[in-house]
Amino acid sequence: MNYDIAVYPTREKLMELAGSKDDKPIVMLNLLKFRDVAEYKDGRDEKISGREAYMRYGAAMRDIVAKGGGHMLISADLKDVVIGEVSDLWDVVAMVEYPSAAGFFAIAASPEVAAIGIHREAGLAGQLLIRSSLNDAITG
């Protein structure tokens, strides 16, 4: 399995979400890898971990998502692999439910998210963001 770690989605992926006509809720699966030390592009000389920087973003993002009709489902530290093998384990998995793909885009493209993005960028070494939908057959 090949994958590219990124910090931001491509424009094409964002436009696909923005134009989605599917009005069903989506769940974004986030696999997060933090920098050892945060790297702020604005030149600030704060010596904090990447996790600490990202959590500044995460705390503010929780409120923004809630105002947009979404909510955090789970956030958990990853400990070890039980089945399979990977060379480097992600640090955190988080799942966030949004009202729709277009609703996700509206939140992600908002000025409020842009204003806190500096902490996200400073903290993340990379991320996989996977769009999914709820499966009624399993969840009931």
Protein backbone atom coordinates (compact mmCIF):
# COMPACT_ATOMS: atom_id res chain seq x y z
CA MET A 1 0.00 0.00 0.00
CA ASN A 2 1.40 3.37 -1.01
CA TYR A 3 0.36 6.67 0.46
CA ASP A 4 1.50 10.28 0.44
CA ILE A 5 1.43 12.21 3.65
CA ALA A 6 0.18 15.77 3.24
CA VAL A 7 -0.92 18.67 5.41
CA TYR A 8 -3.53 20.15 3.05
CA PRO A 9 -5.95 18.61 0.53
CA THR A 10 -5.55 19.30 -3.15
CA ARG A 11 -7.76 21.95 -4.77
CA GLU A 12 -9.39 19.23 -6.89
CA LYS A 13 -10.44 17.25 -3.82
CA LEU A 14 -11.82 20.36 -2.13
CA MET A 15 -13.84 21.32 -5.22
CA GLU A 16 -15.25 17.79 -5.40
CA LEU A 17 -16.51 18.15 -1.81
CA ALA A 18 -17.82 21.67 -2.40
CA GLY A 19 -19.88 20.53 -5.38
CA SER A 20 -21.25 17.37 -3.79
CA LYS A 21 -25.03 17.01 -4.10
CA ASP A 22 -25.08 14.24 -1.48
CA ASP A 23 -26.72 15.74 1.59
CA LYS A 24 -26.07 12.78 3.87
CA PRO A 25 -23.71 13.13 6.84
CA ILE A 26 -20.08 12.20 6.29
CA VAL A 27 -17.40 11.12 8.72
CA MET A 28 -13.84 12.26 8.22
CA LEU A 29 -11.23 9.81 9.48
CA ASN A 30 -8.08 11.72 10.42
CA LEU A 31 -4.74 9.99 10.84
CA LEU A 32 -2.35 12.52 12.35
CA LYS A 33 1.44 12.55 12.63
CA PHE A 34 2.93 15.34 14.72
CA ARG A 35 6.26 17.10 14.45
CA ASP A 36 8.57 16.59 17.42
CA VAL A 37 8.82 20.38 17.79
CA ALA A 38 6.27 22.81 16.34
CA GLU A 39 7.47 24.87 13.37
CA TYR A 40 5.62 28.18 13.13
CA LYS A 41 6.06 29.92 9.78
CA ASP A 42 5.40 33.33 11.33
CA GLY A 43 8.79 33.16 13.07
CA ARG A 44 7.56 32.86 16.65
CA ASP A 45 10.11 31.29 18.94
CA GLU A 46 7.87 29.00 20.95
CA LYS A 47 9.43 25.74 22.00
CA ILE A 48 6.39 23.49 22.13
CA SER A 49 5.70 20.08 20.68
CA GLY A 50 3.88 19.57 17.44
CA ARG A 51 1.12 17.89 19.42
CA GLU A 52 0.70 20.97 21.62
CA ALA A 53 0.51 23.25 18.59
CA TYR A 54 -2.03 21.00 16.88
CA MET A 55 -4.16 20.77 20.04
CA ARG A 56 -4.48 24.59 20.00
CA TYR A 57 -6.00 24.16 16.56
CA GLY A 58 -8.08 21.17 17.65
CA ALA A 59 -9.68 22.91 20.63
CA ALA A 60 -10.80 25.85 18.50
CA MET A 61 -11.84 23.56 15.64
CA ARG A 62 -14.19 21.59 17.90
CA ASP A 63 -16.26 24.76 18.45
CA ILE A 64 -16.20 25.74 14.77
CA VAL A 65 -17.34 22.27 13.71
CA ALA A 66 -20.16 22.32 16.27
CA LYS A 67 -21.38 25.70 14.98
CA GLY A 68 -21.43 24.19 11.47
CA GLY A 69 -23.60 21.27 12.55
CA GLY A 70 -20.89 18.64 13.06
CA HIS A 71 -19.30 16.96 16.04
CA MET A 72 -16.28 15.01 17.19
CA LEU A 73 -16.95 11.28 17.41
CA ILE A 74 -13.60 10.10 18.75
CA SER A 75 -10.02 11.14 19.26
CA ALA A 76 -7.53 8.55 20.44
CA ASP A 77 -3.79 8.08 20.76
CA LEU A 78 -2.55 5.14 18.71
CA LYS A 79 -0.50 2.63 20.71
CA ASP A 80 0.55 -0.32 18.55
CA VAL A 81 -0.37 -2.47 15.59
CA VAL A 82 -2.12 -5.76 16.41
CA ILE A 83 -2.71 -7.04 12.86
CA GLY A 84 -0.35 -6.17 10.03
CA GLU A 85 2.85 -4.19 10.01
CA VAL A 86 3.77 -0.56 9.43
CA SER A 87 7.13 1.13 9.58
CA ASP A 88 5.85 4.20 11.43
CA LEU A 89 2.62 4.40 13.39
CA TRP A 90 0.39 7.49 13.27
CA ASP A 91 0.14 9.44 16.54
CA VAL A 92 -3.62 10.05 16.73
CA VAL A 93 -6.80 8.91 15.03
CA ALA A 94 -9.81 11.23 15.11
CA MET A 95 -13.25 10.87 13.57
CA VAL A 96 -15.44 13.91 12.99
CA GLU A 97 -18.98 13.86 11.65
CA TYR A 98 -20.11 16.68 9.34
CA PRO A 99 -23.65 17.33 8.08
CA SER A 100 -22.59 16.69 4.45
CA ALA A 101 -19.59 16.89 2.12
CA ALA A 102 -20.55 20.45 1.19
CA GLY A 103 -20.97 21.22 4.90
CA PHE A 104 -17.44 20.00 5.51
CA PHE A 105 -16.17 22.22 2.71
CA ALA A 106 -18.00 25.26 4.12
CA ILE A 107 -16.38 24.71 7.51
CA ALA A 108 -12.91 23.92 6.14
CA ALA A 109 -12.94 26.96 3.83
CA SER A 110 -14.22 29.37 6.50
CA PRO A 111 -12.24 32.40 7.69
CA GLU A 112 -12.41 30.99 11.24
CA VAL A 113 -10.51 27.88 10.20
CA ALA A 114 -8.01 29.94 8.20
CA ALA A 115 -7.34 32.03 11.32
CA ILE A 116 -6.34 29.00 13.42
CA GLY A 117 -4.59 27.10 10.62
CA ILE A 118 -1.18 28.34 11.71
CA HIS A 119 -1.30 25.96 14.70
CA ARG A 120 -2.34 23.01 12.52
CA GLU A 121 0.45 23.63 10.07
CA ALA A 122 3.03 24.16 12.83
CA GLY A 123 2.08 20.93 14.56
CA LEU A 124 1.53 18.45 11.76
CA ALA A 125 4.25 16.46 10.07
CA GLY A 126 1.47 15.00 7.93
CA GLN A 127 -2.06 13.71 7.78
CA LEU A 128 -4.31 11.32 5.96
CA LEU A 129 -7.93 12.51 5.78
CA ILE A 130 -10.36 9.86 4.59
CA ARG A 131 -13.99 10.65 3.78
CA SER A 132 -16.45 7.97 4.81
CA SER A 133 -20.17 7.52 5.33
CA LEU A 134 -22.08 5.96 8.19
CA ASN A 135 -22.98 2.32 7.65
CA ASP A 136 -26.43 1.61 9.11
CA ALA A 137 -25.98 -2.15 8.74
CA ILE A 138 -23.25 -2.09 11.37
CA THR A 139 -24.22 0.85 13.57
CA GLY A 140 -27.91 -0.05 13.76
